[in-house]
């Protein structure tokens, strides 16, 4: 078995695709409209779905907002240079909500950014 994807519900699909592709450097792997169900699915990731876990962005056409709730935490992405990654996100208009530094009660260097729907993405220094 392997993890295939994580699904996130998004309000503005184009804005979300722009964030994940242009700001975080992922690729749009596939996109499909489902008119009878009134939703669109877009899959983004760093590599082909046959070998990598990806993110499924779900846009329900008639939903104007979501509450994120308190159960979901964040997505995590490994990076070779966490400071440069955060600077690149900020330069492209992304929001860094926790600057790079050691995690509380540990030594792993982490940072957090937030996407346009408020989902948190953790960067972890390799």
Protein backbone atom coordinates (compact mmCIF):
# COMPACT_ATOMS: atom_id res chain seq x y z
CA UNK A 1 0.00 0.00 0.00
CA UNK A 2 0.98 3.63 -0.41
CA UNK A 3 -0.49 7.05 0.26
CA UNK A 4 -2.04 8.40 -2.96
CA UNK A 5 -3.29 11.90 -2.19
CA UNK A 6 -4.60 14.35 0.37
CA UNK A 7 -7.81 16.21 -0.52
CA UNK A 8 -8.30 19.88 0.34
CA UNK A 9 -11.56 21.75 -0.35
CA UNK A 10 -10.83 25.15 -1.85
CA UNK A 11 -12.96 28.22 -2.52
CA UNK A 12 -11.15 29.61 -5.58
CA UNK A 13 -9.62 26.81 -7.64
CA UNK A 14 -7.57 29.05 -9.96
CA UNK A 15 -6.06 30.93 -7.02
CA UNK A 16 -5.24 27.63 -5.29
CA UNK A 17 -3.64 26.15 -8.40
CA UNK A 18 -1.56 29.31 -8.76
CA UNK A 19 -0.41 29.06 -5.13
CA UNK A 20 0.57 25.39 -5.26
CA UNK A 21 2.16 25.60 -8.72
CA UNK A 22 3.70 29.08 -8.90
CA UNK A 23 4.52 29.65 -5.22
CA UNK A 24 5.34 26.10 -4.06
CA UNK A 25 6.68 24.82 -7.39
CA UNK A 26 4.28 21.91 -7.94
CA UNK A 27 2.80 20.95 -11.31
CA UNK A 28 -0.85 20.68 -12.29
CA UNK A 29 -1.06 16.96 -13.05
CA UNK A 30 -4.70 16.68 -14.10
CA UNK A 31 -7.98 18.50 -13.83
CA UNK A 32 -11.55 17.32 -14.40
CA UNK A 33 -14.90 19.09 -14.23
CA UNK A 34 -17.94 17.10 -13.05
CA UNK A 35 -20.89 19.26 -14.21
CA UNK A 36 -23.63 16.95 -12.92
CA UNK A 37 -22.03 16.99 -9.46
CA UNK A 38 -21.12 20.69 -9.75
CA UNK A 39 -17.49 20.25 -8.71
CA UNK A 40 -13.98 20.22 -10.18
CA UNK A 41 -10.99 18.15 -9.09
CA UNK A 42 -7.42 19.31 -9.74
CA UNK A 43 -4.40 17.23 -8.75
CA UNK A 44 -1.07 18.97 -8.07
CA UNK A 45 2.27 17.58 -6.99
CA UNK A 46 6.03 17.38 -7.44
CA UNK A 47 5.96 14.22 -9.52
CA UNK A 48 3.76 11.78 -11.39
CA UNK A 49 0.92 10.22 -9.41
CA UNK A 50 2.19 6.74 -10.21
CA UNK A 51 5.21 7.33 -7.95
CA UNK A 52 4.41 10.32 -5.70
CA UNK A 53 1.74 11.36 -3.24
CA UNK A 54 -0.16 14.40 -4.50
CA UNK A 55 -2.74 16.95 -3.38
CA UNK A 56 -6.31 16.83 -4.68
CA UNK A 57 -7.85 20.31 -4.76
CA UNK A 58 -11.65 19.99 -4.70
CA UNK A 59 -13.75 22.96 -5.78
CA UNK A 60 -17.48 22.62 -5.09
CA UNK A 61 -19.01 25.20 -7.41
CA UNK A 62 -21.79 26.31 -5.09
CA UNK A 63 -19.77 26.58 -1.85
CA UNK A 64 -18.56 30.09 -0.99
CA UNK A 65 -16.50 29.30 2.15
CA UNK A 66 -15.33 26.54 4.47
CA UNK A 67 -14.45 26.32 8.14
CA UNK A 68 -11.08 24.67 8.54
CA UNK A 69 -11.92 23.12 11.90
CA UNK A 70 -9.46 22.02 14.54
CA UNK A 71 -8.74 18.40 13.58
CA UNK A 72 -6.63 18.92 10.43
CA UNK A 73 -3.09 20.09 11.12
CA UNK A 74 -0.94 20.71 8.06
CA UNK A 75 0.83 19.34 5.01
CA UNK A 76 4.63 18.86 5.21
CA UNK A 77 7.22 19.40 2.49
CA UNK A 78 10.93 18.65 2.79
CA UNK A 79 13.36 21.28 1.50
CA UNK A 80 17.13 21.50 1.09
CA UNK A 81 17.29 25.21 2.03
CA UNK A 82 14.44 26.30 4.28
CA UNK A 83 15.50 29.96 4.42
CA UNK A 84 15.68 30.26 0.62
CA UNK A 85 12.37 28.40 0.29
CA UNK A 86 10.63 30.84 2.65
CA UNK A 87 12.19 33.82 0.88
CA UNK A 88 10.96 32.48 -2.48
CA UNK A 89 7.43 31.97 -1.12
CA UNK A 90 7.40 35.51 0.31
CA UNK A 91 8.77 36.98 -2.96
CA UNK A 92 5.88 35.35 -4.85
CA UNK A 93 3.28 36.83 -2.52
CA UNK A 94 2.96 33.84 -0.19
CA UNK A 95 2.45 34.22 3.55
CA UNK A 96 5.15 32.88 5.90
CA UNK A 97 3.45 32.44 9.27
CA UNK A 98 6.39 30.92 11.18
CA UNK A 99 9.94 31.81 10.26
CA UNK A 100 12.56 29.05 9.94
CA UNK A 101 13.97 27.80 13.21
CA UNK A 102 14.18 24.77 15.47
CA UNK A 103 10.90 23.18 16.46
CA UNK A 104 9.80 23.67 20.04
CA UNK A 105 11.29 20.95 22.29
CA UNK A 106 13.50 19.66 19.46
CA UNK A 107 16.21 20.44 16.94
CA UNK A 108 14.50 19.87 13.57
CA UNK A 109 14.40 23.15 11.62
CA UNK A 110 10.89 23.96 10.43
CA UNK A 111 8.84 26.86 9.04
CA UNK A 112 5.18 27.31 8.16
CA UNK A 113 3.42 29.04 5.28
CA UNK A 114 -0.29 29.44 4.69
CA UNK A 115 -2.14 28.96 1.41
CA UNK A 116 -4.95 31.19 0.14
CA UNK A 117 -7.60 29.12 1.97
CA UNK A 118 -5.74 29.19 5.29
CA UNK A 119 -4.28 25.67 5.14
CA UNK A 120 -0.87 25.42 6.77
CA UNK A 121 2.13 23.93 4.96
CA UNK A 122 5.16 23.00 7.03
CA UNK A 123 8.64 23.14 5.51
CA UNK A 124 11.16 20.78 7.09
CA UNK A 125 14.88 21.27 6.53
CA UNK A 126 16.44 18.12 5.03
